[in-house]
Each structure stands twice: as structure tokens, then as C-alpha cells.
Amino acid sequence: MSLTQIGPVYSGRASAVRAGEVVLSLVASGLVGMQGWRGVRRLQHPYDRSLQLGLDRLAALCVRAGRDAPVGVQDLVGVWCAERPVDSWPLEFDADAQVDGERLLIGGEPSEFCLEWAVSAQDVVSEVHEGTLVKEIKKMAAQLGRPDLYARWRLFVTEHAVLGPEEFVAAKNAVLDVPQWATWMEESYGRVTAEVTLGGQVAVCGGCGQWVAPRADGRVRCGVWRCARRADLPEPVWVEAQGARRLEPELVRFVALPGAPELDLARRLAARGARVVLYPKLDALDLVATWPGGFSVGVDVKDWRSPYLLARRIKTFPAWGADDPHAYRRGFLVVPHDRLRANRSYVKILARRSEALRAQPQIQVVSDRDLVADCPDLGTMGEVVCGP
């Protein structure tokens, strides 16, 4: 293994932290690059370049620290990533990164911690989907003066993980006045392949509602964080695989799963009498909720495990004038309550680390439960809409 050309040599505490984050991101990205929705199982697959780069840098840091380095990629993946917590690696991290006890692989699958640190992998997905499908939908919706089309697409793919043949035809024909809609459906859903089926059927998780491929031992158990920790996870729903379509894996990870808490919050606010607009102005916010009488909130929902990483991705909230149909009086960045309950330092770390929040101190960080409790309850049912 060559230890040359490993990049810049860092000195000082801040530089050591940067070096540690680079290694962690490279290795995490490489692990995600090796797997699809099914996970890392066969190490004979070609190694992702990020994994090799991460190995080279990690090996160099091990040498400098006088520690044994991983002996090749298989040792890195099978032992270091699967068995050793990251805080046992010879790397330095900021305390707010909260790496103690975290492993990159759990049960042969990238952990949620790993997925959030896989910066390069996310950039690839963004390039593929945001640069093509999602960007195309936004562009066409803007050209047609129909921002509701983008919201309708996001709502549909979030709620429908698997479509039978007739359901898929109906989905393609749902917006006949926009011919591009059928193409968007074609690009969002792929055919159900044999490796994701069991007994001619595909499983849909009873918790998160997304399709689940059987594990190597034939068991079906969803690996999504909330589902994996539930003792009362409902049994999966089984759908006939013949002729069915399933949501593309990247859209599961980056659209449908984040969309679930957004839709859940929208419906809970609507149950208190609000009119809730989803993804206004082509996703400038996740939702704007307005009650008769003028109370209104603009909300961005962030379902992240790591506040340290989330802080880097928070964007400035839009400022819309009072005459704008999406104007809101109060802005909230909402984090699901179970994230905050599991990490008591979450809000403090966001406040310390987010430039966007410091620039807009009027934006409050709250849990979904607290936001719902603080909003009016008219005792009547409102509505969730995709249009203005």
C-alpha cells in the first residue's frame, strides 16, 4: 500500500480535526458507494474510490500515531468499520461531532451515522437526481406556472413505495394535461427485481412504508433507524412482485424517508384547523400553515441524527412580504422529537454551529410536538394542499 500523495499534512488541533473528518467522510462515502438499498454484503464488489482514498489517509495517520493500520480494504470494512467504534480510530474530532461509540456498519449495513457522514455519496445522488429528475420537475413546473406539480410529485413518491401494474398505469395518467408527468413516474419507479423479492412478493415496511429487501438469511427487517429500534414494529405488507414497480433506491433515501415526517407534521397541523401548503415555491420551505384569523408558520423539517452535520446544511429562511400568498409570521426549524430526546445537546450544538441560525435569530428550533402544541386548535379539520 502506498502512503504517498495522501494530501496536505495538517498541523494543530483544528487541522487534525479536519483531517479526521476527511477520513471519516471518505470511508463512509466509500461504504455507501459499495451498496445499493440492499447494503454491503459481498466484499468482492469493486471498491469505491473514496474507500481506497480513506484507507490511504487513515493508514498514514496510523503510522504517525504509532498504531497498526488496516491491512487492506477488507480489513477496513470487515473489522474497522463493522467492529470498531470510530472513537477508537487514531483520529481527532470536535466534541460536537459526537462520534463516541458510533460504528459505520451495523449488521453489514451502513449505519445512519455512516449515511450522514457520506458527503461524497450524497453529492453523487444530488448530481444524478437533483441535476436531472428533481431539477427537471422543478424547471417544468416553473415554466408551466404550476408549482403544485412538484409538490404533488413529492407527495406521491413519499406515500407510494411499491405500485402494482394497474396502480402504476393510474399514476402515470394522474395528470393528463401535463404529458411530462408520465415520464416523471417512469423515472421515479423501476421494475421490481428478483433480489428484492421473497416468494414472488416484495415487502413494504409496516413502520416507514418503504420497500425492504430480504437479508442474506431470508429475514425481512427494515434497517431505517426508527424501525430498527421499535419492538412493536408492525409486520410488513406483502405486494405481488409480478409487473410491480418500486421507488428508485435513491429517491427512497433522499425524498421519501425525509418526506415522511414532513407529511406527518402537515397533517397534524391540518387536524388543528390549518390550511397547510406543501413545498411552497418549489421547496423554498417544507410547509406553510395558516389559520383563519391570521396565525401562520413557515416550517423546515430536518430529520438528522447529527446536529453537527445538520448545522452545515441549514439554509436561510425566505422572507416573503405580507402580500405574498405564502407569507408567514413565525419561522421554525423543526426536528422530530425523538431526535431531541435521544440527544439532549442537539439544539445547543445547532445554535453553536449554524451560521444561518445565527444570522436569523428569529427562527426557532423546536420539536414537532412542541410546534403542534403551540399552534391554535380550532377543533375543526383543515387541509393539506400542494397548490398556492
Protein backbone atom coordinates (compact mmCIF):
# COMPACT_ATOMS: atom_id res chain seq x y z
CA MET A 1 0.00 0.00 0.00
CA SER A 2 1.44 3.36 -0.97
CA LEU A 3 1.43 6.09 1.65
CA THR A 4 2.44 8.82 -0.77
CA GLN A 5 0.25 11.56 -2.20
CA ILE A 6 -2.20 11.41 0.66
CA GLY A 7 -2.98 15.09 0.58
CA PRO A 8 -1.90 18.01 2.73
CA VAL A 9 -0.15 17.49 6.04
CA TYR A 10 -2.14 19.20 8.79
CA SER A 11 -0.77 20.67 11.99
CA GLY A 12 -2.56 21.94 15.05
CA ARG A 13 -5.83 20.89 16.68
CA ALA A 14 -8.14 22.39 14.03
CA SER A 15 -6.18 20.82 11.20
CA ALA A 16 -6.16 17.44 12.96
CA VAL A 17 -9.95 17.64 13.29
CA ARG A 18 -10.27 18.49 9.60
CA ALA A 19 -8.06 15.54 8.73
CA GLY A 20 -10.17 13.23 10.86
CA GLU A 21 -13.39 14.45 9.25
CA VAL A 22 -11.93 13.95 5.78
CA VAL A 23 -11.01 10.35 6.56
CA LEU A 24 -14.39 9.63 8.13
CA SER A 25 -16.26 11.17 5.19
CA LEU A 26 -14.17 9.28 2.63
CA VAL A 27 -14.64 5.91 4.33
CA ALA A 28 -18.35 6.50 4.91
CA SER A 29 -18.80 7.61 1.31
CA GLY A 30 -16.94 4.54 0.08
CA LEU A 31 -19.15 2.22 2.11
CA VAL A 32 -22.29 3.82 0.76
CA GLY A 33 -20.81 3.71 -2.73
CA MET A 34 -20.39 -0.06 -2.40
CA GLN A 35 -24.02 -0.72 -1.63
CA GLY A 36 -27.48 -0.13 -3.01
CA TRP A 37 -30.64 -0.22 -0.94
CA ARG A 38 -29.71 -3.82 -0.01
CA GLY A 39 -26.48 -2.99 1.73
CA VAL A 40 -22.84 -4.05 1.85
CA ARG A 41 -22.69 -7.83 1.66
CA ARG A 42 -20.27 -9.02 -0.98
CA LEU A 43 -16.80 -7.65 -0.47
CA GLN A 44 -15.73 -8.92 -3.87
CA HIS A 45 -17.58 -5.97 -5.40
CA PRO A 46 -15.24 -3.37 -6.90
CA TYR A 47 -14.17 -0.96 -4.21
CA ASP A 48 -15.39 2.60 -4.31
CA ARG A 49 -12.54 5.04 -4.93
CA SER A 50 -13.47 7.04 -1.83
CA LEU A 51 -12.91 3.94 0.28
CA GLN A 52 -9.38 3.47 -1.06
CA LEU A 53 -8.58 7.15 -0.53
CA GLY A 54 -9.92 6.93 3.00
CA LEU A 55 -7.83 3.83 3.65
CA ASP A 56 -4.66 5.54 2.39
CA ARG A 57 -5.19 8.59 4.61
CA LEU A 58 -6.16 6.50 7.62
CA ALA A 59 -3.08 4.30 7.19
CA ALA A 60 -0.84 7.36 7.10
CA LEU A 61 -2.39 8.74 10.29
CA CYS A 62 -1.96 5.33 11.95
CA VAL A 63 1.73 5.35 11.10
CA ARG A 64 2.15 8.83 12.56
CA ALA A 65 0.32 7.77 15.72
CA GLY A 66 2.40 4.59 16.04
CA ARG A 67 -0.72 2.44 15.65
CA ASP A 68 -1.39 -0.62 13.49
CA ALA A 69 -3.16 0.33 10.26
CA PRO A 70 -5.92 -1.59 8.46
CA VAL A 71 -4.44 -4.34 6.26
CA GLY A 72 -6.26 -3.57 3.04
CA VAL A 73 -9.85 -2.68 2.22
CA GLN A 74 -11.35 -5.91 3.52
CA ASP A 75 -9.79 -5.34 6.95
CA LEU A 76 -11.00 -1.75 6.92
CA VAL A 77 -14.57 -2.78 6.05
CA GLY A 78 -14.88 -6.08 7.90
CA VAL A 79 -13.08 -5.14 11.11
CA TRP A 80 -12.60 -1.39 11.49
CA CYS A 81 -15.97 -0.31 10.12
CA ALA A 82 -18.03 -3.25 11.36
CA GLU A 83 -16.48 -3.89 14.77
CA ARG A 84 -14.55 -0.84 15.98
CA PRO A 85 -16.28 2.38 17.03
CA VAL A 86 -14.95 5.45 15.28
CA ASP A 87 -13.66 6.98 18.52
CA SER A 88 -11.17 4.09 18.76
CA TRP A 89 -9.57 5.09 15.45
CA PRO A 90 -6.44 7.29 15.66
CA LEU A 91 -8.38 10.37 14.55
CA GLU A 92 -9.32 13.62 16.25
CA PHE A 93 -12.86 15.01 16.20
CA ASP A 94 -14.65 18.01 17.59
CA ALA A 95 -16.67 17.12 20.68
CA ASP A 96 -19.83 18.37 18.94
CA ALA A 97 -19.39 15.66 16.28
CA GLN A 98 -20.44 13.12 18.94
CA VAL A 99 -18.60 10.12 17.47
CA ASP A 100 -18.28 8.17 20.72
CA GLY A 101 -19.44 4.58 20.32
CA GLU A 102 -20.52 5.08 16.71
CA ARG A 103 -19.81 2.39 14.10
CA LEU A 104 -20.01 2.78 10.35
CA LEU A 105 -21.50 -0.66 9.68
CA ILE A 106 -24.21 -2.37 11.71
CA GLY A 107 -25.37 -5.79 10.62
CA GLY A 108 -23.49 -5.40 7.35
CA GLU A 109 -25.38 -2.20 6.50
CA PRO A 110 -24.17 1.41 6.64
CA SER A 111 -25.38 2.88 9.91
CA GLU A 112 -27.36 6.09 10.00
CA PHE A 113 -24.22 7.74 11.36
CA CYS A 114 -22.36 6.47 8.28
CA LEU A 115 -25.04 7.67 5.86
CA GLU A 116 -24.94 11.20 7.24
CA TRP A 117 -21.15 11.38 7.03
CA ALA A 118 -21.18 10.07 3.44
CA VAL A 119 -20.83 13.53 1.95
CA SER A 120 -19.44 12.38 -1.39
CA ALA A 121 -22.17 9.79 -1.80
CA GLN A 122 -24.83 12.39 -1.16
CA ASP A 123 -23.20 14.72 -3.66
CA VAL A 124 -23.34 11.98 -6.29
CA VAL A 125 -27.01 11.36 -5.62
CA SER A 126 -27.66 15.08 -5.74
CA GLU A 127 -25.89 15.33 -9.07
CA VAL A 128 -27.84 12.45 -10.53
CA HIS A 129 -31.30 13.27 -9.22
CA GLU A 130 -31.27 16.97 -8.39
CA GLY A 131 -29.37 17.53 -11.65
CA THR A 132 -31.82 15.52 -13.71
CA LEU A 133 -35.18 14.33 -12.40
CA VAL A 134 -35.83 16.69 -9.49
CA LYS A 135 -34.33 19.65 -11.29
CA GLU A 136 -36.34 18.85 -14.41
CA ILE A 137 -39.59 18.64 -12.45
CA LYS A 138 -38.91 21.97 -10.77
CA LYS A 139 -37.95 23.58 -14.07
CA MET A 140 -41.03 22.34 -15.92
CA ALA A 141 -43.34 23.22 -13.03
CA ALA A 142 -41.94 26.76 -13.06
CA GLN A 143 -42.28 27.08 -16.83
CA LEU A 144 -45.90 25.92 -16.70
CA GLY A 145 -46.70 28.20 -13.80
CA ARG A 146 -47.67 25.08 -11.85
CA PRO A 147 -45.50 24.83 -8.72
CA ASP A 148 -48.11 22.43 -7.38
CA LEU A 149 -46.78 19.76 -9.78
CA TYR A 150 -43.52 19.49 -7.88
CA ALA A 151 -45.34 19.24 -4.57
CA ARG A 152 -47.72 16.63 -5.98
CA TRP A 153 -44.81 14.54 -7.23
CA ARG A 154 -43.04 14.65 -3.86
CA LEU A 155 -46.23 13.81 -2.03
CA PHE A 156 -46.94 10.86 -4.32
CA VAL A 157 -43.50 9.25 -4.17
CA THR A 158 -43.35 9.70 -0.41
CA GLU A 159 -46.64 7.85 0.03
CA HIS A 160 -46.18 5.11 -2.58
CA ALA A 161 -43.18 2.80 -2.27
CA VAL A 162 -44.49 -0.01 -4.48
CA LEU A 163 -47.07 0.16 -7.25
CA GLY A 164 -48.85 -2.77 -8.84
CA PRO A 165 -49.27 -2.77 -12.65
CA GLU A 166 -52.68 -1.12 -12.61
CA GLU A 167 -51.64 1.37 -9.94
CA PHE A 168 -48.61 2.35 -11.99
CA VAL A 169 -50.75 3.00 -15.07
CA ALA A 170 -53.12 5.08 -12.97
CA ALA A 171 -50.18 7.03 -11.52
CA LYS A 172 -48.85 7.83 -14.99
CA ASN A 173 -52.26 9.05 -16.09
CA ALA A 174 -52.97 11.09 -12.98
CA VAL A 175 -52.13 14.43 -14.62
CA LEU A 176 -53.22 14.09 -18.24
CA ASP A 177 -52.90 17.80 -19.02
CA VAL A 178 -49.15 17.59 -18.31
CA PRO A 179 -47.62 14.93 -20.61
CA GLN A 180 -44.29 15.10 -18.76
CA TRP A 181 -45.94 13.68 -15.65
CA ALA A 182 -45.96 10.15 -17.10
CA THR A 183 -42.22 10.43 -17.80
CA TRP A 184 -41.57 11.56 -14.24
CA MET A 185 -43.37 8.46 -12.98
CA GLU A 186 -41.34 6.24 -15.30
CA GLU A 187 -38.11 7.73 -13.99
CA SER A 188 -39.21 7.55 -10.35
CA TYR A 189 -40.17 3.88 -10.32
CA GLY A 190 -38.11 0.91 -11.51
CA ARG A 191 -39.18 -2.67 -12.04
CA VAL A 192 -39.09 -4.96 -9.03
CA THR A 193 -36.07 -7.21 -9.48
CA ALA A 194 -35.64 -10.75 -8.16
CA GLU A 195 -33.10 -9.87 -5.47
CA VAL A 196 -35.58 -7.65 -3.61
CA THR A 197 -38.37 -10.26 -3.57
CA LEU A 198 -39.20 -13.26 -1.44
CA GLY A 199 -41.57 -15.91 -2.70
CA GLY A 200 -42.61 -13.74 -5.61
CA GLN A 201 -43.55 -10.82 -3.38
CA VAL A 202 -41.93 -7.60 -2.24
CA ALA A 203 -42.15 -6.43 1.37
CA VAL A 204 -43.28 -2.95 2.40
CA CYS A 205 -42.28 -1.98 5.93
CA GLY A 206 -45.19 -1.58 8.31
CA GLY A 207 -43.38 1.27 10.02
CA CYS A 208 -41.88 3.65 7.46
CA GLY A 209 -43.87 2.38 4.48
CA GLN A 210 -40.82 1.81 2.27
CA TRP A 211 -39.88 -1.38 0.45
CA VAL A 212 -37.44 -3.69 2.16
CA ALA A 213 -35.18 -6.26 0.53
CA PRO A 214 -34.74 -9.57 2.34
CA ARG A 215 -31.47 -10.07 4.19
CA ALA A 216 -28.96 -12.73 3.27
CA ASP A 217 -30.59 -15.13 5.77
CA GLY A 218 -34.02 -14.57 4.22
CA ARG A 219 -35.35 -12.42 7.06
CA VAL A 220 -37.13 -9.16 6.33
CA ARG A 221 -36.40 -6.42 8.80
CA CYS A 222 -36.32 -2.73 7.97
CA GLY A 223 -33.00 -1.03 8.70
CA VAL A 224 -34.38 2.51 8.92
CA TRP A 225 -33.41 3.99 12.29
CA ARG A 226 -36.88 4.35 13.76
CA CYS A 227 -37.99 0.96 12.52
CA ALA A 228 -34.86 -0.85 13.71
CA ARG A 229 -35.32 0.37 17.30
CA ARG A 230 -39.04 -0.45 17.55
CA ALA A 231 -40.03 -3.53 19.49
CA ASP A 232 -43.59 -3.16 18.21
CA LEU A 233 -42.76 -2.75 14.51
CA PRO A 234 -45.80 -3.94 12.51
CA GLU A 235 -45.38 -6.86 10.19
CA PRO A 236 -44.53 -5.90 6.59
CA VAL A 237 -47.20 -5.70 3.93
CA TRP A 238 -46.53 -8.05 1.03
CA VAL A 239 -47.19 -6.97 -2.56
CA GLU A 240 -47.22 -9.22 -5.61
CA ALA A 241 -43.97 -8.55 -7.46
CA GLN A 242 -45.07 -9.61 -10.94
CA GLY A 243 -45.29 -6.44 -13.02
CA ALA A 244 -44.85 -4.19 -9.98
CA ARG A 245 -42.72 -1.08 -9.75
CA ARG A 246 -40.74 0.14 -6.74
CA LEU A 247 -39.48 3.59 -5.92
CA GLU A 248 -35.90 4.08 -7.03
CA PRO A 249 -33.49 3.49 -4.11
CA GLU A 250 -32.01 6.99 -4.14
CA LEU A 251 -35.49 8.52 -4.02
CA VAL A 252 -36.31 6.32 -1.04
CA ARG A 253 -33.30 7.62 0.84
CA PHE A 254 -33.34 11.27 -0.18
CA VAL A 255 -37.01 12.07 -0.88
CA ALA A 256 -39.44 9.57 0.63
CA LEU A 257 -37.83 8.95 4.03
CA PRO A 258 -37.22 12.67 4.77
CA GLY A 259 -40.70 13.38 3.42
CA ALA A 260 -42.45 11.17 5.97
CA PRO A 261 -42.00 13.48 9.00
CA GLU A 262 -42.83 16.47 6.80
CA LEU A 263 -46.17 14.98 5.79
CA ASP A 264 -46.88 13.77 9.30
CA LEU A 265 -46.40 17.28 10.67
CA ALA A 266 -48.51 18.80 7.88
CA ARG A 267 -51.42 16.52 8.72
CA ARG A 268 -51.18 17.17 12.45
CA LEU A 269 -51.33 20.92 11.83
CA ALA A 270 -54.25 20.47 9.44
CA ALA A 271 -56.04 18.48 12.16
CA ARG A 272 -55.93 21.67 14.25
CA GLY A 273 -57.70 23.68 11.55
CA ALA A 274 -54.79 24.95 9.44
CA ARG A 275 -54.54 25.17 5.69
CA VAL A 276 -51.13 23.65 5.02
CA VAL A 277 -49.31 24.23 1.74
CA LEU A 278 -46.62 21.66 0.98
CA TYR A 279 -43.27 22.68 -0.53
CA PRO A 280 -44.28 26.27 -1.43
CA LYS A 281 -42.38 27.98 -4.23
CA LEU A 282 -40.72 24.76 -5.38
CA ASP A 283 -39.47 23.70 -1.96
CA ALA A 284 -38.35 27.05 -0.57
CA LEU A 285 -39.77 25.66 2.69
CA ASP A 286 -41.28 22.31 3.57
CA LEU A 287 -44.62 23.81 4.50
CA VAL A 288 -46.53 26.94 5.39
CA ALA A 289 -49.54 26.57 7.69
CA THR A 290 -52.16 29.31 8.03
CA TRP A 291 -55.16 29.50 10.36
CA PRO A 292 -58.28 31.64 9.98
CA GLY A 293 -57.54 34.77 11.96
CA GLY A 294 -54.04 35.22 10.60
CA PHE A 295 -51.76 32.97 12.67
CA SER A 296 -49.21 31.38 10.32
CA VAL A 297 -45.93 29.47 10.45
CA GLY A 298 -43.24 28.67 7.92
CA VAL A 299 -41.52 25.37 8.63
CA ASP A 300 -38.45 23.48 7.51
CA VAL A 301 -38.27 19.92 8.89
CA LYS A 302 -34.82 18.43 9.43
CA ASP A 303 -34.67 14.75 10.36
CA TRP A 304 -30.94 14.33 11.02
CA ARG A 305 -29.16 12.21 13.60
CA SER A 306 -26.14 14.54 13.79
CA PRO A 307 -26.72 18.21 14.69
CA TYR A 308 -23.04 18.82 13.93
CA LEU A 309 -23.54 17.85 10.29
CA LEU A 310 -27.03 19.32 10.02
CA ALA A 311 -25.75 22.73 11.11
CA ARG A 312 -23.70 22.96 7.91
CA ARG A 313 -26.74 22.39 5.73
CA ILE A 314 -29.31 24.75 7.22
CA LYS A 315 -30.25 27.44 4.73
CA THR A 316 -31.56 30.92 5.33
CA PHE A 317 -35.35 31.08 5.58
CA PRO A 318 -37.06 33.07 2.81
CA ALA A 319 -38.50 36.47 3.72
CA TRP A 320 -41.81 36.92 1.89
CA GLY A 321 -43.82 40.12 2.03
CA ALA A 322 -47.22 40.33 3.69
CA ASP A 323 -48.97 40.31 0.32
CA ASP A 324 -47.33 37.05 -0.72
CA PRO A 325 -49.73 34.06 -0.71
CA HIS A 326 -47.14 32.08 1.26
CA ALA A 327 -46.32 34.78 3.81
CA TYR A 328 -45.81 33.50 7.35
CA ARG A 329 -45.46 35.31 10.66
CA ARG A 330 -43.13 32.94 12.50
CA GLY A 331 -40.42 30.64 11.20
CA PHE A 332 -39.46 27.30 12.70
CA LEU A 333 -36.80 24.73 12.06
CA VAL A 334 -38.45 21.55 13.30
CA VAL A 335 -36.55 18.48 14.47
CA PRO A 336 -38.54 15.30 15.23
CA HIS A 337 -38.97 14.89 18.98
CA ASP A 338 -37.23 11.51 19.12
CA ARG A 339 -34.03 13.08 17.77
CA LEU A 340 -34.04 15.69 20.52
CA ARG A 341 -34.96 13.15 23.18
CA ALA A 342 -32.04 10.93 22.15
CA ASN A 343 -29.57 13.85 22.16
CA ARG A 344 -30.03 16.49 24.84
CA SER A 345 -27.30 18.67 23.31
CA TYR A 346 -28.95 18.79 19.87
CA VAL A 347 -30.35 22.34 19.95
CA LYS A 348 -27.26 23.78 21.65
CA ILE A 349 -24.97 22.27 19.01
CA LEU A 350 -27.15 23.67 16.22
CA ALA A 351 -27.05 27.11 17.81
CA ARG A 352 -23.27 26.99 18.12
CA ARG A 353 -22.61 25.61 14.65
CA SER A 354 -25.20 27.04 12.27
CA GLU A 355 -24.34 30.32 10.57
CA ALA A 356 -27.84 30.51 9.10
CA LEU A 357 -29.47 30.32 12.52
CA ARG A 358 -27.13 32.95 13.93
CA ALA A 359 -27.97 35.21 11.01
CA GLN A 360 -31.71 34.77 11.65
CA PRO A 361 -32.21 34.63 15.42
CA GLN A 362 -35.95 34.93 14.94
CA ILE A 363 -36.04 31.37 13.54
CA GLN A 364 -36.78 28.99 16.40
CA VAL A 365 -35.59 25.40 16.65
CA VAL A 366 -38.33 23.24 18.17
CA SER A 367 -39.57 19.67 18.18
CA ASP A 368 -42.57 18.69 16.11
CA ARG A 369 -44.54 18.01 19.28
CA ASP A 370 -43.81 21.45 20.72
CA LEU A 371 -44.73 23.21 17.49
CA VAL A 372 -48.05 21.41 17.23
CA ALA A 373 -48.84 22.11 20.89
CA ASP A 374 -48.08 25.83 20.48
CA CYS A 375 -50.30 26.28 17.40
CA PRO A 376 -54.02 27.09 17.58
CA ASP A 377 -56.51 24.23 17.69
CA LEU A 378 -59.82 25.25 16.18
CA GLY A 379 -61.44 21.88 16.74
CA THR A 380 -62.10 21.56 13.02
CA MET A 381 -60.24 19.81 10.22
CA GLY A 382 -58.20 21.95 7.88
CA GLU A 383 -56.50 20.73 4.71
CA VAL A 384 -53.14 19.79 3.23
CA VAL A 385 -52.69 21.12 -0.30
CA CYS A 386 -50.00 21.26 -2.94
CA GLY A 387 -51.05 24.49 -4.55
CA PRO A 388 -50.87 28.15 -3.56
